[in-house]
Amino acid sequence: MENRVVDLCLAMDYWVFGGYVRDVFVCSKREFNDIDICVPRSKHGTVDHFINALSVFYTVDVTRDTKLADMKYGAMSKGIKAVVKITLNSQLKLDLCLFDGGLDDWRNEHSVDLSCNLFYMSRSTPLGLRYIPKIYRYLAAPARKIIEMTRNGIFEVVYETQAERDCSYSKAVAECRKAQYVMWRAKKLIQRGWFLKGKVLTDDMFDWTVEAGAQSDWGERLERFEEEIEALQKDAQADATQLPQGVRDSVRRKLDL
């Protein structure tokens, strides 16, 4: 079912991104949660045609949700203005994201949260990286590094804030909320068996708690969340390896994790 859906998306010059591309095309898994699809501004008028084409083969349930765009996708992408949620045969779930721009605009947003979520596929690109995050810019082969990590179930936080420093209190708090959302996403992956390399609360993310000021408790909140996620990962490692903590720490250092 999903192959036909993806082929139809690409034929209509939409692109597919997120967990489906990561799990199926990079990690060669059969299970995935849903399919995230991005529709460029020039193709917004074709969404109904897309839904009609799906209805030829499947039972289609549609919900148009602008709130989800703000809460889930809009938190990381300014260009996603609305989301059309589609369920096929009460089984396969699609999130159709209406993007205010084209593929190049989307790739240039630099708003991805985790390294394993950088992948996408379009009509002209069977499998691509949205962009190379700053933390990999000095590597000789950054794409190979990201692919190898992902295939081994390892990820890093790569979120790069797009806001200016010395901004208003409300903007600083908005960035703190984004940091919290990134950390929540990392936690969900760890719970699924993924391994986090490096910090879950990066220095850049924590700096926004300083911008929010002393009247805000965001620094304490994010640090507590960081401790919770670190404990979760240690427990997951212990369950998976059955090795003492000292041995696990030694292996992490040798593997640069």
Protein backbone atom coordinates (compact mmCIF):
# COMPACT_ATOMS: atom_id res chain seq x y z
CA MET A 1 0.00 0.00 0.00
CA GLU A 2 2.68 2.51 1.02
CA ASN A 3 4.67 2.03 -2.19
CA ARG A 4 1.71 3.15 -4.30
CA VAL A 5 1.15 6.16 -2.03
CA VAL A 6 4.80 7.24 -2.19
CA ASP A 7 4.92 6.81 -5.96
CA LEU A 8 1.82 8.99 -6.30
CA CYS A 9 3.37 11.66 -4.05
CA LEU A 10 6.56 11.80 -6.08
CA ALA A 11 4.65 11.82 -9.38
CA MET A 12 2.80 14.92 -8.15
CA ASP A 13 6.09 16.64 -7.20
CA TYR A 14 5.50 16.31 -3.46
CA TRP A 15 8.36 15.04 -1.32
CA VAL A 16 8.47 12.51 1.53
CA PHE A 17 10.48 13.05 4.72
CA GLY A 18 10.75 12.01 8.35
CA GLY A 19 10.57 8.63 10.04
CA TYR A 20 9.23 6.69 7.07
CA VAL A 21 12.26 7.50 4.91
CA ARG A 22 14.60 6.85 7.82
CA ASP A 23 13.09 3.54 8.92
CA VAL A 24 12.26 2.02 5.53
CA PHE A 25 14.90 3.33 3.12
CA VAL A 26 17.88 3.93 5.43
CA CYS A 27 17.40 1.28 8.13
CA SER A 28 15.63 -1.29 5.88
CA LYS A 29 12.81 -1.86 8.36
CA ARG A 30 9.26 -2.78 7.47
CA GLU A 31 7.54 -1.05 10.38
CA PHE A 32 6.91 2.71 10.54
CA ASN A 33 4.44 5.01 12.27
CA ASP A 34 3.17 7.13 9.39
CA ILE A 35 4.28 8.88 6.21
CA ASP A 36 5.15 12.58 6.31
CA ILE A 37 4.56 14.30 2.98
CA CYS A 38 5.37 17.89 2.05
CA VAL A 39 3.39 19.77 -0.59
CA PRO A 40 5.03 22.87 -2.13
CA ARG A 41 3.05 26.08 -2.47
CA SER A 42 2.84 25.65 -6.25
CA LYS A 43 1.01 22.32 -5.71
CA HIS A 44 -1.46 23.26 -2.95
CA GLY A 45 -4.25 23.25 -5.50
CA THR A 46 -3.60 19.59 -6.33
CA VAL A 47 -4.28 18.19 -2.83
CA ASP A 48 -7.91 17.35 -3.64
CA HIS A 49 -6.76 15.56 -6.80
CA PHE A 50 -4.30 13.57 -4.69
CA ILE A 51 -7.06 12.57 -2.26
CA ASN A 52 -9.37 11.62 -5.13
CA ALA A 53 -6.65 9.44 -6.64
CA LEU A 54 -6.18 7.66 -3.31
CA SER A 55 -9.91 7.05 -3.02
CA VAL A 56 -9.80 4.94 -6.19
CA PHE A 57 -7.81 2.30 -4.28
CA TYR A 58 -8.58 2.89 -0.60
CA THR A 59 -11.16 4.07 1.89
CA VAL A 60 -10.00 7.58 2.72
CA ASP A 61 -10.65 9.55 5.94
CA VAL A 62 -9.50 13.19 5.86
CA THR A 63 -9.02 15.79 8.61
CA ARG A 64 -7.66 19.26 7.93
CA ASP A 65 -5.73 20.43 10.98
CA THR A 66 -4.07 23.85 11.29
CA LYS A 67 -3.47 23.33 15.02
CA LEU A 68 -1.21 20.33 14.36
CA ALA A 69 0.86 22.48 12.03
CA ASP A 70 1.55 24.86 14.92
CA MET A 71 2.11 22.23 17.63
CA LYS A 72 4.10 19.54 15.79
CA TYR A 73 5.48 20.67 12.47
CA GLY A 74 5.23 24.42 12.95
CA ALA A 75 7.39 24.19 16.06
CA MET A 76 10.34 23.35 13.82
CA SER A 77 9.32 24.72 10.40
CA LYS A 78 8.03 28.22 9.78
CA GLY A 79 6.96 27.25 6.28
CA ILE A 80 4.44 24.55 7.21
CA LYS A 81 1.12 26.38 7.52
CA ALA A 82 -1.39 23.52 7.66
CA VAL A 83 -1.56 19.73 7.84
CA VAL A 84 -4.06 17.45 6.14
CA LYS A 85 -4.28 14.17 8.06
CA ILE A 86 -5.29 11.19 5.91
CA THR A 87 -6.00 7.60 6.97
CA LEU A 88 -6.23 4.86 4.35
CA ASN A 89 -8.31 1.74 5.05
CA SER A 90 -8.20 2.65 8.76
CA GLN A 91 -4.54 1.57 8.74
CA LEU A 92 -2.02 3.72 6.91
CA LYS A 93 -1.68 7.28 8.23
CA LEU A 94 -0.41 10.19 6.16
CA ASP A 95 0.43 13.72 7.27
CA LEU A 96 0.19 16.02 4.26
CA CYS A 97 2.09 19.21 5.19
CA LEU A 98 1.29 22.33 3.15
CA PHE A 99 4.56 24.21 2.82
CA ASP A 100 4.75 27.90 1.93
CA GLY A 101 7.53 27.58 -0.64
CA GLY A 102 9.40 25.06 -2.75
CA LEU A 103 11.78 22.17 -2.07
CA ASP A 104 14.85 24.43 -2.00
CA ASP A 105 13.14 26.73 0.52
CA TRP A 106 12.32 23.74 2.71
CA ARG A 107 15.87 22.40 2.54
CA ASN A 108 17.28 25.82 3.43
CA GLU A 109 15.24 26.15 6.63
CA HIS A 110 17.86 24.23 8.65
CA SER A 111 15.27 23.28 11.24
CA VAL A 112 15.78 19.51 11.66
CA ASP A 113 15.98 18.36 15.28
CA LEU A 114 17.83 15.02 15.17
CA SER A 115 20.44 13.67 12.76
CA CYS A 116 18.35 10.62 11.85
CA ASN A 117 15.54 12.90 10.65
CA LEU A 118 17.56 14.62 7.92
CA PHE A 119 16.50 12.24 5.15
CA TYR A 120 13.99 12.91 2.40
CA MET A 121 13.07 11.65 -1.05
CA SER A 122 11.70 13.56 -4.02
CA ARG A 123 11.01 12.89 -7.68
CA SER A 124 14.58 13.84 -8.62
CA THR A 125 16.28 12.57 -5.44
CA PRO A 126 15.71 8.89 -4.54
CA LEU A 127 17.33 9.46 -1.13
CA GLY A 128 18.86 12.71 0.06
CA LEU A 129 19.90 14.75 3.07
CA ARG A 130 17.99 17.94 3.63
CA TYR A 131 21.25 19.75 4.50
CA ILE A 132 24.53 19.16 6.38
CA PRO A 133 24.25 20.40 9.99
CA LYS A 134 26.99 22.61 11.44
CA ILE A 135 28.38 19.89 13.71
CA TYR A 136 29.34 17.83 10.64
CA ARG A 137 30.62 20.61 8.39
CA TYR A 138 34.31 19.77 8.92
CA LEU A 139 33.95 16.05 8.22
CA ALA A 140 35.33 14.75 4.93
CA ALA A 141 32.22 12.64 4.27
CA PRO A 142 29.39 13.95 6.48
CA ALA A 143 26.62 12.20 4.53
CA ARG A 144 28.30 8.82 4.99
CA LYS A 145 28.72 9.52 8.72
CA ILE A 146 25.03 10.36 9.16
CA ILE A 147 23.90 7.30 7.18
CA GLU A 148 26.20 4.95 9.12
CA MET A 149 25.05 6.34 12.47
CA THR A 150 21.41 6.02 11.50
CA ARG A 151 21.78 2.44 10.27
CA ASN A 152 23.43 1.59 13.60
CA GLY A 153 20.59 3.13 15.58
CA ILE A 154 22.64 6.14 16.74
CA PHE A 155 21.55 9.78 16.53
CA GLU A 156 22.66 13.26 17.61
CA VAL A 157 20.82 16.47 18.37
CA VAL A 158 21.49 18.77 15.39
CA TYR A 159 18.91 21.50 15.96
CA GLU A 160 20.16 24.95 14.94
CA THR A 161 18.16 27.88 16.21
CA GLN A 162 17.15 30.43 13.58
CA ALA A 163 16.25 33.24 15.99
CA GLU A 164 18.46 36.25 16.71
CA ARG A 165 20.09 36.67 20.11
CA ASP A 166 19.09 39.62 22.31
CA CYS A 167 15.48 39.13 21.25
CA SER A 168 12.30 39.67 23.22
CA TYR A 169 11.33 37.56 26.24
CA SER A 170 8.49 35.92 24.33
CA LYS A 171 10.82 34.82 21.51
CA ALA A 172 13.36 33.47 23.99
CA VAL A 173 10.63 31.43 25.70
CA ALA A 174 9.49 30.15 22.30
CA GLU A 175 13.03 28.89 21.66
CA CYS A 176 13.06 27.21 25.08
CA ARG A 177 9.84 25.43 24.14
CA LYS A 178 11.45 24.26 20.91
CA ALA A 179 14.42 22.94 22.89
CA GLN A 180 12.01 21.04 25.14
CA TYR A 181 10.27 19.59 22.07
CA VAL A 182 13.59 18.47 20.57
CA MET A 183 14.49 16.77 23.84
CA TRP A 184 11.08 15.08 23.96
CA ARG A 185 11.64 13.73 20.45
CA ALA A 186 15.04 12.40 21.49
CA LYS A 187 13.46 10.72 24.51
CA LYS A 188 10.90 8.96 22.31
CA LEU A 189 13.67 7.55 20.11
CA ILE A 190 15.62 6.27 23.13
CA GLN A 191 12.46 4.56 24.33
CA ARG A 192 12.31 2.83 20.94
CA GLY A 193 15.86 1.49 21.36
CA TRP A 194 17.92 4.23 19.70
CA PHE A 195 21.19 5.48 21.22
CA LEU A 196 21.88 9.19 21.74
CA LYS A 197 25.41 10.38 20.98
CA GLY A 198 26.48 13.61 22.68
CA LYS A 199 24.28 16.02 24.59
CA VAL A 200 20.51 16.04 24.48
CA LEU A 201 20.55 19.65 25.74
CA THR A 202 23.14 21.41 23.58
CA ASP A 203 24.92 24.57 24.67
CA ASP A 204 23.09 26.52 21.96
CA MET A 205 19.73 25.30 23.24
CA PHE A 206 20.59 26.02 26.88
CA ASP A 207 21.75 29.57 26.03
CA TRP A 208 18.12 30.44 25.32
CA THR A 209 17.27 29.88 28.99
CA VAL A 210 19.71 32.71 29.74
CA GLU A 211 18.00 34.89 27.14
CA ALA A 212 14.67 34.17 28.85
CA GLY A 213 16.09 35.76 31.99
CA ALA A 214 16.09 35.16 35.72
CA GLN A 215 12.30 35.47 35.92
CA SER A 216 12.03 32.25 33.94
CA ASP A 217 12.57 28.71 35.30
CA TRP A 218 13.34 27.27 31.87
CA GLY A 219 16.96 26.54 32.76
CA GLU A 220 15.98 24.32 35.69
CA ARG A 221 13.18 22.69 33.73
CA LEU A 222 15.39 21.72 30.81
CA GLU A 223 18.22 20.53 33.06
CA ARG A 224 15.79 18.28 34.96
CA PHE A 225 14.52 16.91 31.65
CA GLU A 226 18.12 16.32 30.56
CA GLU A 227 18.80 14.29 33.72
CA GLU A 228 15.65 12.25 33.12
CA ILE A 229 16.70 11.42 29.55
CA GLU A 230 20.27 10.56 30.57
CA ALA A 231 18.93 8.17 33.24
CA LEU A 232 16.60 6.61 30.68
CA GLN A 233 19.48 5.96 28.31
CA LYS A 234 21.66 4.44 31.04
CA ASP A 235 18.82 2.10 32.02
CA ALA A 236 18.29 1.15 28.38
CA GLN A 237 22.01 0.40 27.96
CA ALA A 238 22.06 -1.70 31.11
CA ASP A 239 19.08 -3.75 29.95
CA ALA A 240 20.54 -4.24 26.47
CA THR A 241 24.13 -5.13 27.42
CA GLN A 242 23.92 -6.51 30.97
CA LEU A 243 27.35 -4.91 31.50
CA PRO A 244 28.53 -2.92 34.56
CA GLN A 245 28.38 0.88 34.31
CA GLY A 246 32.19 1.24 34.25
CA VAL A 247 32.51 -1.13 31.29
CA ARG A 248 29.75 0.68 29.39
CA ASP A 249 31.43 4.06 29.99
CA SER A 250 34.76 2.67 28.73
CA VAL A 251 33.14 1.34 25.55
CA ARG A 252 31.41 4.69 24.95
CA ARG A 253 34.72 6.57 25.21
CA LYS A 254 36.47 4.20 22.81
CA LEU A 255 33.64 4.47 20.29
CA ASP A 256 33.43 8.26 20.70
CA LEU A 257 29.81 8.08 21.84
